[in-house]
């Protein structure tokens, strides 16, 4: 049914409600609003303001374990950073002084393998330079991705394991440990990768699945059986210990 032209139009139902008015848009537009928000945070120096606003006597320090600079962030990276960001922001709201310095791990076999595959035939020095450029590229990419998550850290002054300052601090700490007598030179077996021609960490080793009919069971032995089985080892132990001391003295002298 159409309304007669001479009658006053009825008000829309929303015009009859006494509701507060806001400048927020009805629908979000993250493609436009997100870059503007990040620019405003950087322009307003939001991290610096939150850092100096806390009580210097009430300090809360959270160490940010560095992600590896070899690709885009993933769900684990986001989970790690967001939880830390929630913790630090809540502490700031409680009045604490909370500095947070992000970091990146730039050393390791994955970067070297990737670079040597993409650029074969490089010299050792050229490989080192290429690895630095590769790591720096992914640091910049990951930093931008972390910012888009809304994580508030000191992004302009991170700690980077390949920086000369960081490496010199490691050497200084190691020299202090050596001078205090905590470092010894001994023999130790290490896993070696034949294809990569480098030492591997235990966490980097992957064992193939294997079906084995053997079973290994550990159980205690009675004293009589132990003496019969290991009597030669027990007798020979003092000689073995003397040999070990000689080897240690030789290594220390060399």
C-alpha atoms as a PDB file:
ATOM      1  CA  UNK A   1       0.000   0.000   0.000  1.00  0.00           C
ATOM      2  CA  UNK A   2       1.394   3.414  -0.924  1.00  0.00           C
ATOM      3  CA  UNK A   3       1.203   6.378   1.397  1.00  0.00           C
ATOM      4  CA  UNK A   4      -0.915   9.375   0.208  1.00  0.00           C
ATOM      5  CA  UNK A   5       1.187  12.309  -0.969  1.00  0.00           C
ATOM      6  CA  UNK A   6      -0.508  14.787   1.372  1.00  0.00           C
ATOM      7  CA  UNK A   7       0.280  12.824   4.530  1.00  0.00           C
ATOM      8  CA  UNK A   8       3.468  13.343   6.586  1.00  0.00           C
ATOM      9  CA  UNK A   9       5.902  10.417   6.122  1.00  0.00           C
ATOM     10  CA  UNK A  10       6.245   8.125   9.101  1.00  0.00           C
ATOM     11  CA  UNK A  11       9.547   8.143  10.976  1.00  0.00           C
ATOM     12  CA  UNK A  12      11.823   5.176  10.585  1.00  0.00           C
ATOM     13  CA  UNK A  13      11.845   2.988  13.705  1.00  0.00           C
ATOM     14  CA  UNK A  14      15.555   3.658  14.344  1.00  0.00           C
ATOM     15  CA  UNK A  15      14.809   7.404  14.475  1.00  0.00           C
ATOM     16  CA  UNK A  16      12.508   6.835  17.449  1.00  0.00           C
ATOM     17  CA  UNK A  17      15.277   5.311  19.596  1.00  0.00           C
ATOM     18  CA  UNK A  18      17.396   7.456  21.893  1.00  0.00           C
ATOM     19  CA  UNK A  19      20.756   5.814  21.258  1.00  0.00           C
ATOM     20  CA  UNK A  20      24.284   7.235  21.564  1.00  0.00           C
ATOM     21  CA  UNK A  21      25.970   8.238  18.349  1.00  0.00           C
ATOM     22  CA  UNK A  22      29.462   7.166  17.355  1.00  0.00           C
ATOM     23  CA  UNK A  23      31.873   7.752  14.517  1.00  0.00           C
ATOM     24  CA  UNK A  24      32.591   4.034  14.157  1.00  0.00           C
ATOM     25  CA  UNK A  25      31.683   2.625  10.781  1.00  0.00           C
ATOM     26  CA  UNK A  26      28.898   0.062  10.583  1.00  0.00           C
ATOM     27  CA  UNK A  27      31.177  -2.393   8.810  1.00  0.00           C
ATOM     28  CA  UNK A  28      34.956  -2.821   9.260  1.00  0.00           C
ATOM     29  CA  UNK A  29      37.274  -2.298   6.329  1.00  0.00           C
ATOM     30  CA  UNK A  30      40.569  -3.896   7.444  1.00  0.00           C
ATOM     31  CA  UNK A  31      42.254  -3.475   4.081  1.00  0.00           C
ATOM     32  CA  UNK A  32      42.093   0.300   4.537  1.00  0.00           C
ATOM     33  CA  UNK A  33      41.882   0.695   8.309  1.00  0.00           C
ATOM     34  CA  UNK A  34      44.680  -1.685   9.328  1.00  0.00           C
ATOM     35  CA  UNK A  35      47.527   0.147   7.519  1.00  0.00           C
ATOM     36  CA  UNK A  36      46.241   3.474   8.840  1.00  0.00           C
ATOM     37  CA  UNK A  37      46.104   2.096  12.386  1.00  0.00           C
ATOM     38  CA  UNK A  38      49.674   0.770  12.216  1.00  0.00           C
ATOM     39  CA  UNK A  39      50.913   4.081  10.822  1.00  0.00           C
ATOM     40  CA  UNK A  40      49.183   5.966  13.640  1.00  0.00           C
ATOM     41  CA  UNK A  41      50.763   3.694  16.278  1.00  0.00           C
ATOM     42  CA  UNK A  42      54.174   4.328  14.772  1.00  0.00           C
ATOM     43  CA  UNK A  43      53.585   8.069  14.372  1.00  0.00           C
ATOM     44  CA  UNK A  44      52.347   8.411  17.946  1.00  0.00           C
ATOM     45  CA  UNK A  45      55.261   6.270  19.250  1.00  0.00           C
ATOM     46  CA  UNK A  46      52.833   4.096  21.153  1.00  0.00           C
ATOM     47  CA  UNK A  47      55.460   1.660  22.455  1.00  0.00           C
ATOM     48  CA  UNK A  48      57.643   4.470  23.820  1.00  0.00           C
ATOM     49  CA  UNK A  49      54.668   6.059  25.565  1.00  0.00           C
ATOM     50  CA  UNK A  50      53.593   2.815  27.230  1.00  0.00           C
ATOM     51  CA  UNK A  51      57.166   2.058  28.246  1.00  0.00           C
ATOM     52  CA  UNK A  52      57.824   5.349  30.044  1.00  0.00           C
ATOM     53  CA  UNK A  53      54.383   5.470  31.632  1.00  0.00           C
ATOM     54  CA  UNK A  54      55.110   2.642  34.062  1.00  0.00           C
ATOM     55  CA  UNK A  55      56.706   2.877  37.484  1.00  0.00           C
ATOM     56  CA  UNK A  56      60.465   2.470  37.093  1.00  0.00           C
ATOM     57  CA  UNK A  57      60.651   0.727  40.479  1.00  0.00           C
ATOM     58  CA  UNK A  58      58.106  -1.884  39.382  1.00  0.00           C
ATOM     59  CA  UNK A  59      59.854  -3.544  36.459  1.00  0.00           C
ATOM     60  CA  UNK A  60      58.564  -6.615  34.621  1.00  0.00           C
ATOM     61  CA  UNK A  61      60.916  -8.164  32.053  1.00  0.00           C
ATOM     62  CA  UNK A  62      59.795 -10.857  29.626  1.00  0.00           C
ATOM     63  CA  UNK A  63      62.430 -12.390  27.363  1.00  0.00           C
ATOM     64  CA  UNK A  64      61.269 -12.922  23.794  1.00  0.00           C
ATOM     65  CA  UNK A  65      62.777 -16.167  22.515  1.00  0.00           C
ATOM     66  CA  UNK A  66      63.803 -15.466  18.927  1.00  0.00           C
ATOM     67  CA  UNK A  67      62.009 -17.026  15.954  1.00  0.00           C
ATOM     68  CA  UNK A  68      64.072 -18.399  13.094  1.00  0.00           C
ATOM     69  CA  UNK A  69      64.544 -15.987  10.189  1.00  0.00           C
ATOM     70  CA  UNK A  70      63.838 -18.369   7.333  1.00  0.00           C
ATOM     71  CA  UNK A  71      60.211 -17.894   6.234  1.00  0.00           C
ATOM     72  CA  UNK A  72      56.797 -16.397   6.892  1.00  0.00           C
ATOM     73  CA  UNK A  73      55.339 -16.632  10.365  1.00  0.00           C
ATOM     74  CA  UNK A  74      52.956 -19.504  11.109  1.00  0.00           C
ATOM     75  CA  UNK A  75      50.334 -20.351  13.696  1.00  0.00           C
ATOM     76  CA  UNK A  76      52.957 -21.246  16.308  1.00  0.00           C
ATOM     77  CA  UNK A  77      54.689 -17.899  15.788  1.00  0.00           C
ATOM     78  CA  UNK A  78      51.418 -16.007  16.194  1.00  0.00           C
ATOM     79  CA  UNK A  79      50.451 -18.054  19.258  1.00  0.00           C
ATOM     80  CA  UNK A  80      53.825 -17.335  20.877  1.00  0.00           C
ATOM     81  CA  UNK A  81      53.857 -13.594  20.197  1.00  0.00           C
ATOM     82  CA  UNK A  82      50.194 -12.903  20.997  1.00  0.00           C
ATOM     83  CA  UNK A  83      50.350 -14.633  24.396  1.00  0.00           C
ATOM     84  CA  UNK A  84      53.472 -12.633  25.300  1.00  0.00           C
ATOM     85  CA  UNK A  85      51.786  -9.450  24.109  1.00  0.00           C
ATOM     86  CA  UNK A  86      48.734 -10.102  26.293  1.00  0.00           C
ATOM     87  CA  UNK A  87      50.986 -10.705  29.299  1.00  0.00           C
ATOM     88  CA  UNK A  88      53.063  -7.562  28.830  1.00  0.00           C
ATOM     89  CA  UNK A  89      50.086  -5.304  28.098  1.00  0.00           C
ATOM     90  CA  UNK A  90      48.278  -6.520  31.198  1.00  0.00           C
ATOM     91  CA  UNK A  91      51.360  -5.776  33.305  1.00  0.00           C
ATOM     92  CA  UNK A  92      51.550  -2.269  31.866  1.00  0.00           C
ATOM     93  CA  UNK A  93      47.904  -1.743  32.836  1.00  0.00           C
ATOM     94  CA  UNK A  94      48.878  -2.757  36.387  1.00  0.00           C
ATOM     95  CA  UNK A  95      51.480   0.031  36.460  1.00  0.00           C
ATOM     96  CA  UNK A  96      54.635  -1.934  35.710  1.00  0.00           C
ATOM     97  CA  UNK A  97      57.502  -0.732  33.559  1.00  0.00           C
ATOM     98  CA  UNK A  98      57.585  -3.388  30.804  1.00  0.00           C
ATOM     99  CA  UNK A  99      60.244  -3.209  28.086  1.00  0.00           C
ATOM    100  CA  UNK A 100      59.995  -5.878  25.394  1.00  0.00           C
ATOM    101  CA  UNK A 101      62.815  -6.342  22.875  1.00  0.00           C
ATOM    102  CA  UNK A 102      62.063  -8.764  20.035  1.00  0.00           C
ATOM    103  CA  UNK A 103      64.812 -10.900  18.550  1.00  0.00           C
ATOM    104  CA  UNK A 104      65.682 -13.177  15.646  1.00  0.00           C
ATOM    105  CA  UNK A 105      67.836 -16.283  15.351  1.00  0.00           C
ATOM    106  CA  UNK A 106      69.927 -15.955  12.180  1.00  0.00           C
ATOM    107  CA  UNK A 107      72.291 -18.938  12.388  1.00  0.00           C
ATOM    108  CA  UNK A 108      71.804 -22.541  11.390  1.00  0.00           C
ATOM    109  CA  UNK A 109      71.895 -25.195   8.728  1.00  0.00           C
ATOM    110  CA  UNK A 110      68.448 -24.502   7.150  1.00  0.00           C
ATOM    111  CA  UNK A 111      69.533 -21.025   6.011  1.00  0.00           C
ATOM    112  CA  UNK A 112      72.854 -22.309   4.689  1.00  0.00           C
ATOM    113  CA  UNK A 113      71.182 -25.194   2.827  1.00  0.00           C
ATOM    114  CA  UNK A 114      68.616 -22.893   1.262  1.00  0.00           C
ATOM    115  CA  UNK A 115      71.223 -20.383   0.115  1.00  0.00           C
ATOM    116  CA  UNK A 116      73.599 -23.001  -1.328  1.00  0.00           C
ATOM    117  CA  UNK A 117      70.750 -24.601  -3.286  1.00  0.00           C
ATOM    118  CA  UNK A 118      69.604 -21.275  -4.715  1.00  0.00           C
ATOM    119  CA  UNK A 119      73.177 -20.078  -5.434  1.00  0.00           C
ATOM    120  CA  UNK A 120      75.525 -23.021  -6.003  1.00  0.00           C
ATOM    121  CA  UNK A 121      79.242 -22.524  -6.459  1.00  0.00           C
ATOM    122  CA  UNK A 122      79.731 -19.715  -3.946  1.00  0.00           C
ATOM    123  CA  UNK A 123      82.888 -19.424  -1.907  1.00  0.00           C
ATOM    124  CA  UNK A 124      82.726 -19.676   1.898  1.00  0.00           C
ATOM    125  CA  UNK A 125      82.828 -15.906   2.294  1.00  0.00           C
ATOM    126  CA  UNK A 126      80.137 -15.442  -0.379  1.00  0.00           C
ATOM    127  CA  UNK A 127      77.943 -18.031   1.365  1.00  0.00           C
ATOM    128  CA  UNK A 128      78.235 -16.110   4.637  1.00  0.00           C
ATOM    129  CA  UNK A 129      77.298 -12.853   2.944  1.00  0.00           C
ATOM    130  CA  UNK A 130      74.367 -14.468   1.117  1.00  0.00           C
ATOM    131  CA  UNK A 131      73.110 -16.028   4.360  1.00  0.00           C
ATOM    132  CA  UNK A 132      73.156 -12.631   6.070  1.00  0.00           C
ATOM    133  CA  UNK A 133      71.123 -11.074   3.264  1.00  0.00           C
ATOM    134  CA  UNK A 134      68.702 -14.011   3.318  1.00  0.00           C
ATOM    135  CA  UNK A 135      68.180 -13.738   7.090  1.00  0.00           C
ATOM    136  CA  UNK A 136      67.782  -9.949   6.967  1.00  0.00           C
ATOM    137  CA  UNK A 137      65.099 -10.274   4.293  1.00  0.00           C
ATOM    138  CA  UNK A 138      62.995 -12.601   6.453  1.00  0.00           C
ATOM    139  CA  UNK A 139      63.555 -10.463   9.552  1.00  0.00           C
ATOM    140  CA  UNK A 140      61.931  -7.539   7.736  1.00  0.00           C
ATOM    141  CA  UNK A 141      59.092  -9.745   6.456  1.00  0.00           C
ATOM    142  CA  UNK A 142      58.361 -11.285   9.868  1.00  0.00           C
ATOM    143  CA  UNK A 143      58.566  -7.920  11.620  1.00  0.00           C
ATOM    144  CA  UNK A 144      55.872  -6.554   9.310  1.00  0.00           C
ATOM    145  CA  UNK A 145      53.723  -9.653   9.879  1.00  0.00           C
ATOM    146  CA  UNK A 146      54.053  -9.436  13.664  1.00  0.00           C
ATOM    147  CA  UNK A 147      53.071  -5.774  13.575  1.00  0.00           C
ATOM    148  CA  UNK A 148      49.900  -6.705  11.693  1.00  0.00           C
ATOM    149  CA  UNK A 149      48.970  -8.962  14.622  1.00  0.00           C
ATOM    150  CA  UNK A 150      48.860  -5.869  16.840  1.00  0.00           C
ATOM    151  CA  UNK A 151      51.842  -6.987  18.905  1.00  0.00           C
ATOM    152  CA  UNK A 152      53.487  -4.050  20.689  1.00  0.00           C
ATOM    153  CA  UNK A 153      57.263  -4.401  21.042  1.00  0.00           C
ATOM    154  CA  UNK A 154      60.395  -2.360  20.425  1.00  0.00           C
ATOM    155  CA  UNK A 155      60.407  -3.316  16.748  1.00  0.00           C
ATOM    156  CA  UNK A 156      62.904  -0.655  15.673  1.00  0.00           C
ATOM    157  CA  UNK A 157      65.655  -1.922  18.006  1.00  0.00           C
ATOM    158  CA  UNK A 158      65.577  -5.739  18.046  1.00  0.00           C
ATOM    159  CA  UNK A 159      68.394  -8.065  19.046  1.00  0.00           C
ATOM    160  CA  UNK A 160      69.720 -10.082  16.106  1.00  0.00           C
ATOM    161  CA  UNK A 161      72.100 -13.002  16.626  1.00  0.00           C
ATOM    162  CA  UNK A 162      74.146 -12.190  13.511  1.00  0.00           C
ATOM    163  CA  UNK A 163      74.916  -8.615  14.554  1.00  0.00           C
ATOM    164  CA  UNK A 164      78.539  -7.939  15.465  1.00  0.00           C
ATOM    165  CA  UNK A 165      77.509  -6.515  18.838  1.00  0.00           C
ATOM    166  CA  UNK A 166      75.601  -9.667  19.752  1.00  0.00           C
ATOM    167  CA  UNK A 167      78.393 -11.964  18.547  1.00  0.00           C
ATOM    168  CA  UNK A 168      81.045 -10.011  20.477  1.00  0.00           C
ATOM    169  CA  UNK A 169      78.980 -10.274  23.666  1.00  0.00           C
ATOM    170  CA  UNK A 170      78.845 -14.064  23.208  1.00  0.00           C
ATOM    171  CA  UNK A 171      82.638 -14.224  22.820  1.00  0.00           C
ATOM    172  CA  UNK A 172      83.080 -12.029  25.904  1.00  0.00           C
ATOM    173  CA  UNK A 173      80.834 -14.311  27.978  1.00  0.00           C
ATOM    174  CA  UNK A 174      82.613 -17.422  26.679  1.00  0.00           C
ATOM    175  CA  UNK A 175      86.015 -15.913  27.515  1.00  0.00           C
ATOM    176  CA  UNK A 176      84.803 -15.238  31.051  1.00  0.00           C
ATOM    177  CA  UNK A 177      83.688 -18.871  31.410  1.00  0.00           C
ATOM    178  CA  UNK A 178      87.083 -20.068  30.161  1.00  0.00           C
ATOM    179  CA  UNK A 179      88.969 -17.824  32.583  1.00  0.00           C
ATOM    180  CA  UNK A 180      86.814 -19.073  35.473  1.00  0.00           C
ATOM    181  CA  UNK A 181      87.625 -22.688  34.627  1.00  0.00           C
ATOM    182  CA  UNK A 182      84.170 -23.801  33.522  1.00  0.00           C
ATOM    183  CA  UNK A 183      85.239 -24.860  30.012  1.00  0.00           C
ATOM    184  CA  UNK A 184      87.155 -28.099  29.411  1.00  0.00           C
ATOM    185  CA  UNK A 185      88.384 -29.746  26.241  1.00  0.00           C
ATOM    186  CA  UNK A 186      87.309 -33.387  25.999  1.00  0.00           C
ATOM    187  CA  UNK A 187      86.487 -35.998  23.424  1.00  0.00           C
ATOM    188  CA  UNK A 188      82.833 -36.337  22.468  1.00  0.00           C
ATOM    189  CA  UNK A 189      81.075 -38.133  19.640  1.00  0.00           C
ATOM    190  CA  UNK A 190      78.837 -35.888  17.550  1.00  0.00           C
ATOM    191  CA  UNK A 191      76.376 -36.714  14.737  1.00  0.00           C
ATOM    192  CA  UNK A 192      77.802 -35.932  11.309  1.00  0.00           C
ATOM    193  CA  UNK A 193      75.726 -35.348   8.166  1.00  0.00           C
ATOM    194  CA  UNK A 194      77.432 -36.881   5.133  1.00  0.00           C
ATOM    195  CA  UNK A 195      75.378 -34.916   2.593  1.00  0.00           C
ATOM    196  CA  UNK A 196      75.580 -31.511   4.320  1.00  0.00           C
ATOM    197  CA  UNK A 197      79.176 -32.031   5.508  1.00  0.00           C
ATOM    198  CA  UNK A 198      78.449 -30.551   8.925  1.00  0.00           C
ATOM    199  CA  UNK A 199      77.735 -31.481  12.516  1.00  0.00           C
ATOM    200  CA  UNK A 200      74.085 -31.977  13.462  1.00  0.00           C
ATOM    201  CA  UNK A 201      72.232 -31.344  16.685  1.00  0.00           C
ATOM    202  CA  UNK A 202      70.426 -34.303  18.230  1.00  0.00           C
ATOM    203  CA  UNK A 203      67.079 -32.622  17.500  1.00  0.00           C
ATOM    204  CA  UNK A 204      67.948 -32.466  13.785  1.00  0.00           C
ATOM    205  CA  UNK A 205      68.407 -36.231  13.417  1.00  0.00           C
ATOM    206  CA  UNK A 206      65.499 -38.208  11.966  1.00  0.00           C
ATOM    207  CA  UNK A 207      65.577 -41.976  12.356  1.00  0.00           C
ATOM    208  CA  UNK A 208      63.897 -44.304   9.870  1.00  0.00           C
ATOM    209  CA  UNK A 209      61.182 -46.616  11.147  1.00  0.00           C
ATOM    210  CA  UNK A 210      62.444 -50.141  11.737  1.00  0.00           C
ATOM    211  CA  UNK A 211      60.878 -53.382  12.891  1.00  0.00           C
ATOM    212  CA  UNK A 212      63.171 -55.322  15.193  1.00  0.00           C
ATOM    213  CA  UNK A 213      62.500 -58.720  16.848  1.00  0.00           C
ATOM    214  CA  UNK A 214      64.865 -57.822  19.706  1.00  0.00           C
ATOM    215  CA  UNK A 215      63.688 -56.469  23.017  1.00  0.00           C
ATOM    216  CA  UNK A 216      65.808 -54.754  25.657  1.00  0.00           C
ATOM    217  CA  UNK A 217      64.804 -55.217  29.291  1.00  0.00           C
ATOM    218  CA  UNK A 218      66.545 -53.646  32.266  1.00  0.00           C
ATOM    219  CA  UNK A 219      66.435 -55.480  35.597  1.00  0.00           C
ATOM    220  CA  UNK A 220      68.601 -55.565  38.736  1.00  0.00           C
ATOM    221  CA  UNK A 221      71.172 -58.330  39.330  1.00  0.00           C
ATOM    222  CA  UNK A 222      71.827 -60.080  42.591  1.00  0.00           C
ATOM    223  CA  UNK A 223      75.297 -59.559  44.066  1.00  0.00           C
ATOM    224  CA  UNK A 224      76.608 -63.040  43.212  1.00  0.00           C
ATOM    225  CA  UNK A 225      75.664 -62.731  39.538  1.00  0.00           C
ATOM    226  CA  UNK A 226      77.045 -59.223  39.318  1.00  0.00           C
ATOM    227  CA  UNK A 227      80.429 -60.293  40.688  1.00  0.00           C
ATOM    228  CA  UNK A 228      80.659 -63.211  38.253  1.00  0.00           C
ATOM    229  CA  UNK A 229      79.685 -61.154  35.199  1.00  0.00           C
ATOM    230  CA  UNK A 230      81.626 -57.956  35.904  1.00  0.00           C
ATOM    231  CA  UNK A 231      84.579 -59.112  37.958  1.00  0.00           C
ATOM    232  CA  UNK A 232      87.124 -58.365  35.186  1.00  0.00           C
ATOM    233  CA  UNK A 233      85.699 -54.896  34.658  1.00  0.00           C
ATOM    234  CA  UNK A 234      85.813 -54.148  38.360  1.00  0.00           C
ATOM    235  CA  UNK A 235      89.429 -55.333  38.609  1.00  0.00           C
ATOM    236  CA  UNK A 236      90.454 -53.414  35.520  1.00  0.00           C
ATOM    237  CA  UNK A 237      88.782 -50.172  36.555  1.00  0.00           C
ATOM    238  CA  UNK A 238      91.828 -48.587  38.346  1.00  0.00           C
ATOM    239  CA  UNK A 239      93.953 -49.065  35.201  1.00  0.00           C
ATOM    240  CA  UNK A 240      91.191 -47.545  33.054  1.00  0.00           C
ATOM    241  CA  UNK A 241      90.948 -44.598  35.410  1.00  0.00           C
ATOM    242  CA  UNK A 242      94.703 -43.986  35.216  1.00  0.00           C
ATOM    243  CA  UNK A 243      94.502 -44.094  31.433  1.00  0.00           C
ATOM    244  CA  UNK A 244      91.666 -41.577  31.484  1.00  0.00           C
ATOM    245  CA  UNK A 245      93.699 -39.196  33.648  1.00  0.00           C
ATOM    246  CA  UNK A 246      96.641 -39.464  31.247  1.00  0.00           C
ATOM    247  CA  UNK A 247      94.380 -38.650  28.288  1.00  0.00           C
ATOM    248  CA  UNK A 248      92.934 -35.664  30.107  1.00  0.00           C
ATOM    249  CA  UNK A 249      96.410 -34.366  30.976  1.00  0.00           C
ATOM    250  CA  UNK A 250      97.479 -34.763  27.361  1.00  0.00           C
ATOM    251  CA  UNK A 251      94.461 -32.824  26.066  1.00  0.00           C
ATOM    252  CA  UNK A 252      94.955 -30.054  28.582  1.00  0.00           C
ATOM    253  CA  UNK A 253      98.608 -29.672  27.609  1.00  0.00           C
ATOM    254  CA  UNK A 254      97.722 -29.462  23.904  1.00  0.00           C
END
